[in-house]
PDB file of N, CA and C in Angstrom:
ATOM      1  N   UNK A   1      68.473 -78.192 106.763  1.00  0.00           N
ATOM      2  CA  UNK A   1      67.931 -79.315 106.717  1.00  0.00           C
ATOM      3  C   UNK A   1      68.768 -80.282 106.299  1.00  0.00           C
ATOM      4  N   UNK A   2      69.659 -80.954 107.200  1.00  0.00           N
ATOM      5  CA  UNK A   2      70.901 -81.772 107.066  1.00  0.00           C
ATOM      6  C   UNK A   2      69.894 -83.639 107.126  1.00  0.00           C
ATOM      7  N   UNK A   3      70.868 -83.944 105.707  1.00  0.00           N
ATOM      8  CA  UNK A   3      70.414 -84.826 105.544  1.00  0.00           C
ATOM      9  C   UNK A   3      71.370 -86.308 106.482  1.00  0.00           C
ATOM     10  N   UNK A   4      70.684 -87.609 106.837  1.00  0.00           N
ATOM     11  CA  UNK A   4      70.673 -88.418 107.137  1.00  0.00           C
ATOM     12  C   UNK A   4      71.287 -90.054 106.111  1.00  0.00           C
ATOM     13  N   UNK A   5      72.574 -90.142 106.251  1.00  0.00           N
ATOM     14  CA  UNK A   5      72.369 -91.797 104.725  1.00  0.00           C
ATOM     15  C   UNK A   5      71.920 -92.690 106.328  1.00  0.00           C
ATOM     16  N   UNK A   6      70.745 -93.419 105.588  1.00  0.00           N
ATOM     17  CA  UNK A   6      70.094 -94.340 106.288  1.00  0.00           C
ATOM     18  C   UNK A   6      69.930 -95.188 105.413  1.00  0.00           C
ATOM     19  N   UNK A   7      70.349 -96.253 105.237  1.00  0.00           N
ATOM     20  CA  UNK A   7      69.856 -97.727 104.704  1.00  0.00           C
ATOM     21  C   UNK A   7      68.449 -97.637 105.290  1.00  0.00           C
ATOM     22  N   UNK A   8      67.773 -97.990 104.108  1.00  0.00           N
ATOM     23  CA  UNK A   8      66.602 -98.551 104.378  1.00  0.00           C
ATOM     24  C   UNK A   8      65.986 -99.980 104.665  1.00  0.00           C
ATOM     25  N   UNK A   9      66.354-100.679 104.702  1.00  0.00           N
ATOM     26  CA  UNK A   9      67.042-102.530 105.125  1.00  0.00           C
ATOM     27  C   UNK A   9      67.909-102.671 107.006  1.00  0.00           C
ATOM     28  N   UNK A  10      68.082-100.769 107.434  1.00  0.00           N
ATOM     29  CA  UNK A  10      68.958-101.137 108.119  1.00  0.00           C
ATOM     30  C   UNK A  10      68.927-102.094 109.539  1.00  0.00           C
ATOM     31  N   UNK A  11      67.866-101.828 109.539  1.00  0.00           N
ATOM     32  CA  UNK A  11      67.271-102.482 111.110  1.00  0.00           C
ATOM     33  C   UNK A  11      66.542-104.076 110.486  1.00  0.00           C
ATOM     34  N   UNK A  12      66.156-104.340 109.583  1.00  0.00           N
ATOM     35  CA  UNK A  12      65.218-105.925 109.510  1.00  0.00           C
ATOM     36  C   UNK A  12      66.519-106.535 109.159  1.00  0.00           C
ATOM     37  N   UNK A  13      65.950-107.950 109.161  1.00  0.00           N
ATOM     38  CA  UNK A  13      66.734-109.071 109.547  1.00  0.00           C
ATOM     39  C   UNK A  13      67.418-109.251 108.588  1.00  0.00           C
ATOM     40  N   UNK A  14      68.707-109.749 108.415  1.00  0.00           N
ATOM     41  CA  UNK A  14      68.807-110.216 106.924  1.00  0.00           C
ATOM     42  C   UNK A  14      68.077-111.714 106.105  1.00  0.00           C
ATOM     43  N   UNK A  15      68.752-112.339 105.123  1.00  0.00           N
ATOM     44  CA  UNK A  15      67.080-112.795 105.041  1.00  0.00           C
ATOM     45  C   UNK A  15      67.981-114.420 104.587  1.00  0.00           C
ATOM     46  N   UNK A  16      66.787-115.384 105.108  1.00  0.00           N
ATOM     47  CA  UNK A  16      67.443-116.960 104.876  1.00  0.00           C
ATOM     48  C   UNK A  16      68.042-117.211 103.164  1.00  0.00           C
ATOM     49  N   UNK A  17      69.291-117.580 104.165  1.00  0.00           N
ATOM     50  CA  UNK A  17      69.647-118.296 102.580  1.00  0.00           C
ATOM     51  C   UNK A  17      68.628-118.829 102.153  1.00  0.00           C
ATOM     52  N   UNK A  18      69.160-118.935 100.053  1.00  0.00           N
ATOM     53  CA  UNK A  18      69.169-120.498  99.597  1.00  0.00           C
ATOM     54  C   UNK A  18      68.608-121.534  99.326  1.00  0.00           C
ATOM     55  N   UNK A  19      70.308-121.768 100.958  1.00  0.00           N
ATOM     56  CA  UNK A  19      69.945-123.607 100.681  1.00  0.00           C
ATOM     57  C   UNK A  19      69.667-123.455 102.012  1.00  0.00           C
ATOM     58  N   UNK A  20      68.820-122.941 102.941  1.00  0.00           N
ATOM     59  CA  UNK A  20      67.698-123.108 103.446  1.00  0.00           C
ATOM     60  C   UNK A  20      66.353-122.797 102.890  1.00  0.00           C
ATOM     61  N   UNK A  21      66.248-122.524 102.457  1.00  0.00           N
ATOM     62  CA  UNK A  21      64.975-122.609 101.714  1.00  0.00           C
ATOM     63  C   UNK A  21      65.139-123.935 100.679  1.00  0.00           C
ATOM     64  N   UNK A  22      65.683-123.781 100.116  1.00  0.00           N
ATOM     65  CA  UNK A  22      65.737-125.311  99.482  1.00  0.00           C
ATOM     66  C   UNK A  22      64.846-126.692 100.417  1.00  0.00           C
ATOM     67  N   UNK A  23      65.812-126.076 101.057  1.00  0.00           N
ATOM     68  CA  UNK A  23      65.690-127.798 101.921  1.00  0.00           C
ATOM     69  C   UNK A  23      64.390-127.942 102.731  1.00  0.00           C
ATOM     70  N   UNK A  24      63.995-126.165 103.505  1.00  0.00           N
ATOM     71  CA  UNK A  24      63.121-126.654 103.226  1.00  0.00           C
ATOM     72  C   UNK A  24      62.179-126.886 103.011  1.00  0.00           C
ATOM     73  N   UNK A  25      61.614-126.318 101.495  1.00  0.00           N
ATOM     74  CA  UNK A  25      60.574-127.434 100.508  1.00  0.00           C
ATOM     75  C   UNK A  25      61.469-128.903 100.286  1.00  0.00           C
ATOM     76  N   UNK A  26      62.039-129.379  99.657  1.00  0.00           N
ATOM     77  CA  UNK A  26      62.483-130.059  99.143  1.00  0.00           C
ATOM     78  C   UNK A  26      61.622-131.190 100.933  1.00  0.00           C
ATOM     79  N   UNK A  27      62.175-130.119 101.763  1.00  0.00           N
ATOM     80  CA  UNK A  27      61.821-131.462 103.039  1.00  0.00           C
ATOM     81  C   UNK A  27      60.687-131.518 103.255  1.00  0.00           C
ATOM     82  N   UNK A  28      59.393-131.209 103.219  1.00  0.00           N
ATOM     83  CA  UNK A  28      58.106-130.937 103.381  1.00  0.00           C
ATOM     84  C   UNK A  28      57.444-131.265 101.836  1.00  0.00           C
ATOM     85  N   UNK A  29      57.570-131.383 101.000  1.00  0.00           N
ATOM     86  CA  UNK A  29      57.335-132.542  99.977  1.00  0.00           C
ATOM     87  C   UNK A  29      57.700-133.428  99.793  1.00  0.00           C
ATOM     88  N   UNK A  30      58.616-134.623 100.240  1.00  0.00           N
ATOM     89  CA  UNK A  30      59.249-135.566 100.873  1.00  0.00           C
ATOM     90  C   UNK A  30      58.114-135.733 101.752  1.00  0.00           C
ATOM     91  N   UNK A  31      57.782-135.496 102.980  1.00  0.00           N
ATOM     92  CA  UNK A  31      56.910-135.008 103.424  1.00  0.00           C
ATOM     93  C   UNK A  31      55.646-135.435 103.764  1.00  0.00           C
ATOM     94  N   UNK A  32      55.100-134.832 102.684  1.00  0.00           N
ATOM     95  CA  UNK A  32      53.530-134.486 102.083  1.00  0.00           C
ATOM     96  C   UNK A  32      53.833-135.757 101.493  1.00  0.00           C
ATOM     97  N   UNK A  33      54.602-136.458 100.974  1.00  0.00           N
ATOM     98  CA  UNK A  33      54.408-137.474  98.682  1.00  0.00           C
ATOM     99  C   UNK A  33      54.651-138.686 100.218  1.00  0.00           C
ATOM    100  N   UNK A  34      54.961-138.726 101.449  1.00  0.00           N
ATOM    101  CA  UNK A  34      55.219-139.694 102.900  1.00  0.00           C
ATOM    102  C   UNK A  34      53.496-139.743 102.838  1.00  0.00           C
ATOM    103  N   UNK A  35      52.787-138.893 103.224  1.00  0.00           N
ATOM    104  CA  UNK A  35      52.304-138.819 103.645  1.00  0.00           C
ATOM    105  C   UNK A  35      50.801-139.177 103.122  1.00  0.00           C
ATOM    106  N   UNK A  36      50.910-139.080 101.563  1.00  0.00           N
ATOM    107  CA  UNK A  36      49.664-138.710 100.724  1.00  0.00           C
ATOM    108  C   UNK A  36      49.947-140.751 100.391  1.00  0.00           C
ATOM    109  N   UNK A  37      51.215-141.580 100.693  1.00  0.00           N
ATOM    110  CA  UNK A  37      51.014-142.457  99.685  1.00  0.00           C
ATOM    111  C   UNK A  37      50.811-143.625 100.859  1.00  0.00           C
ATOM    112  N   UNK A  38      50.989-142.980 102.413  1.00  0.00           N
ATOM    113  CA  UNK A  38      49.923-143.668 103.714  1.00  0.00           C
ATOM    114  C   UNK A  38      48.357-143.986 103.489  1.00  0.00           C
ATOM    115  N   UNK A  39      48.834-142.745 102.978  1.00  0.00           N
ATOM    116  CA  UNK A  39      46.887-142.703 103.069  1.00  0.00           C
ATOM    117  C   UNK A  39      45.958-142.987 102.053  1.00  0.00           C
ATOM    118  N   UNK A  40      47.132-143.700 100.282  1.00  0.00           N
ATOM    119  CA  UNK A  40      46.085-144.282  99.832  1.00  0.00           C
ATOM    120  C   UNK A  40      46.380-145.484  99.254  1.00  0.00           C
ATOM    121  N   UNK A  41      47.215-146.256 101.044  1.00  0.00           N
ATOM    122  CA  UNK A  41      48.002-147.331 101.275  1.00  0.00           C
ATOM    123  C   UNK A  41      48.870-147.812  99.719  1.00  0.00           C
ATOM    124  N   UNK A  42      49.909-147.676  99.649  1.00  0.00           N
ATOM    125  CA  UNK A  42      50.339-147.557  98.607  1.00  0.00           C
ATOM    126  C   UNK A  42      51.651-147.176  99.500  1.00  0.00           C
ATOM    127  N   UNK A  43      52.127-147.450 100.888  1.00  0.00           N
ATOM    128  CA  UNK A  43      52.843-146.592 101.485  1.00  0.00           C
ATOM    129  C   UNK A  43      54.791-147.836 101.453  1.00  0.00           C
ATOM    130  N   UNK A  44      55.435-147.105 100.944  1.00  0.00           N
ATOM    131  CA  UNK A  44      56.888-147.233 101.223  1.00  0.00           C
ATOM    132  C   UNK A  44      57.204-149.184 101.782  1.00  0.00           C
ATOM    133  N   UNK A  45      56.823-148.314 103.073  1.00  0.00           N
ATOM    134  CA  UNK A  45      57.261-150.670 103.240  1.00  0.00           C
ATOM    135  C   UNK A  45      55.668-150.796 103.862  1.00  0.00           C
ATOM    136  N   UNK A  46      55.679-151.366 105.186  1.00  0.00           N
ATOM    137  CA  UNK A  46      54.330-152.791 105.458  1.00  0.00           C
ATOM    138  C   UNK A  46      54.793-153.420 106.368  1.00  0.00           C
ATOM    139  N   UNK A  47      53.556-154.429 106.450  1.00  0.00           N
ATOM    140  CA  UNK A  47      54.355-156.106 107.064  1.00  0.00           C
ATOM    141  C   UNK A  47      54.428-156.735 106.332  1.00  0.00           C
ATOM    142  N   UNK A  48      54.314-156.303 104.721  1.00  0.00           N
ATOM    143  CA  UNK A  48      54.873-157.673 103.710  1.00  0.00           C
ATOM    144  C   UNK A  48      56.493-157.583 103.513  1.00  0.00           C
ATOM    145  N   UNK A  49      57.242-155.905 104.038  1.00  0.00           N
ATOM    146  CA  UNK A  49      58.343-155.938 104.546  1.00  0.00           C
ATOM    147  C   UNK A  49      58.756-156.866 105.285  1.00  0.00           C
ATOM    148  N   UNK A  50      58.607-157.227 106.142  1.00  0.00           N
ATOM    149  CA  UNK A  50      59.297-157.691 107.053  1.00  0.00           C
ATOM    150  C   UNK A  50      59.208-159.681 107.841  1.00  0.00           C
ATOM    151  N   UNK A  51      58.180-160.506 106.260  1.00  0.00           N
ATOM    152  CA  UNK A  51      57.749-161.498 106.186  1.00  0.00           C
ATOM    153  C   UNK A  51      59.029-162.343 105.178  1.00  0.00           C
ATOM    154  N   UNK A  52      58.692-163.777 105.260  1.00  0.00           N
ATOM    155  CA  UNK A  52      59.614-163.866 104.098  1.00  0.00           C
ATOM    156  C   UNK A  52      58.816-164.904 102.741  1.00  0.00           C
ATOM    157  N   UNK A  53      59.212-164.602 101.833  1.00  0.00           N
ATOM    158  CA  UNK A  53      57.976-164.416 100.538  1.00  0.00           C
ATOM    159  C   UNK A  53      57.305-165.871 100.621  1.00  0.00           C
ATOM    160  N   UNK A  54      56.528-166.144 100.012  1.00  0.00           N
ATOM    161  CA  UNK A  54      56.019-167.154 100.589  1.00  0.00           C
ATOM    162  C   UNK A  54      54.983-167.090  98.296  1.00  0.00           C
ATOM    163  N   UNK A  55      55.513-168.422  98.147  1.00  0.00           N
ATOM    164  CA  UNK A  55      55.293-168.957  96.786  1.00  0.00           C
ATOM    165  C   UNK A  55      53.881-169.735  96.583  1.00  0.00           C
ATOM    166  N   UNK A  56      53.692-169.385  95.393  1.00  0.00           N
ATOM    167  CA  UNK A  56      52.229-169.062  95.052  1.00  0.00           C
ATOM    168  C   UNK A  56      51.591-170.101  94.856  1.00  0.00           C
ATOM    169  N   UNK A  57      52.142-171.374  94.837  1.00  0.00           N
ATOM    170  CA  UNK A  57      51.549-172.756  94.336  1.00  0.00           C
ATOM    171  C   UNK A  57      51.520-173.505  95.636  1.00  0.00           C
ATOM    172  N   UNK A  58      51.520-173.108  97.022  1.00  0.00           N
ATOM    173  CA  UNK A  58      50.981-173.202  98.187  1.00  0.00           C
ATOM    174  C   UNK A  58      50.141-173.200  98.631  1.00  0.00           C
ATOM    175  N   UNK A  59      49.275-174.224  99.568  1.00  0.00           N
ATOM    176  CA  UNK A  59      48.781-173.936  99.949  1.00  0.00           C
ATOM    177  C   UNK A  59      48.266-173.998 101.759  1.00  0.00           C
ATOM    178  N   UNK A  60      48.398-172.870 101.611  1.00  0.00           N
ATOM    179  CA  UNK A  60      48.140-171.980 103.457  1.00  0.00           C
ATOM    180  C   UNK A  60      47.000-173.065 104.135  1.00  0.00           C
ATOM    181  N   UNK A  61      47.648-173.693 105.623  1.00  0.00           N
ATOM    182  CA  UNK A  61      46.327-174.749 105.758  1.00  0.00           C
ATOM    183  C   UNK A  61      44.995-173.071 106.371  1.00  0.00           C
TER     184      UNK A  61
END
């Protein structure tokens, strides 16, 4: 009976580096956060971000 020195992981592809996994998780969390903020109306920007601030004591015609 002949023995062959075969490693069990010889045919398996290399695993994903940890920094790739962490970066992917961070990106997914940020995209979900922005999506939730957008759906609830608490977005990070909007039309009010591009206009001049108005004084509250001045009445608009």
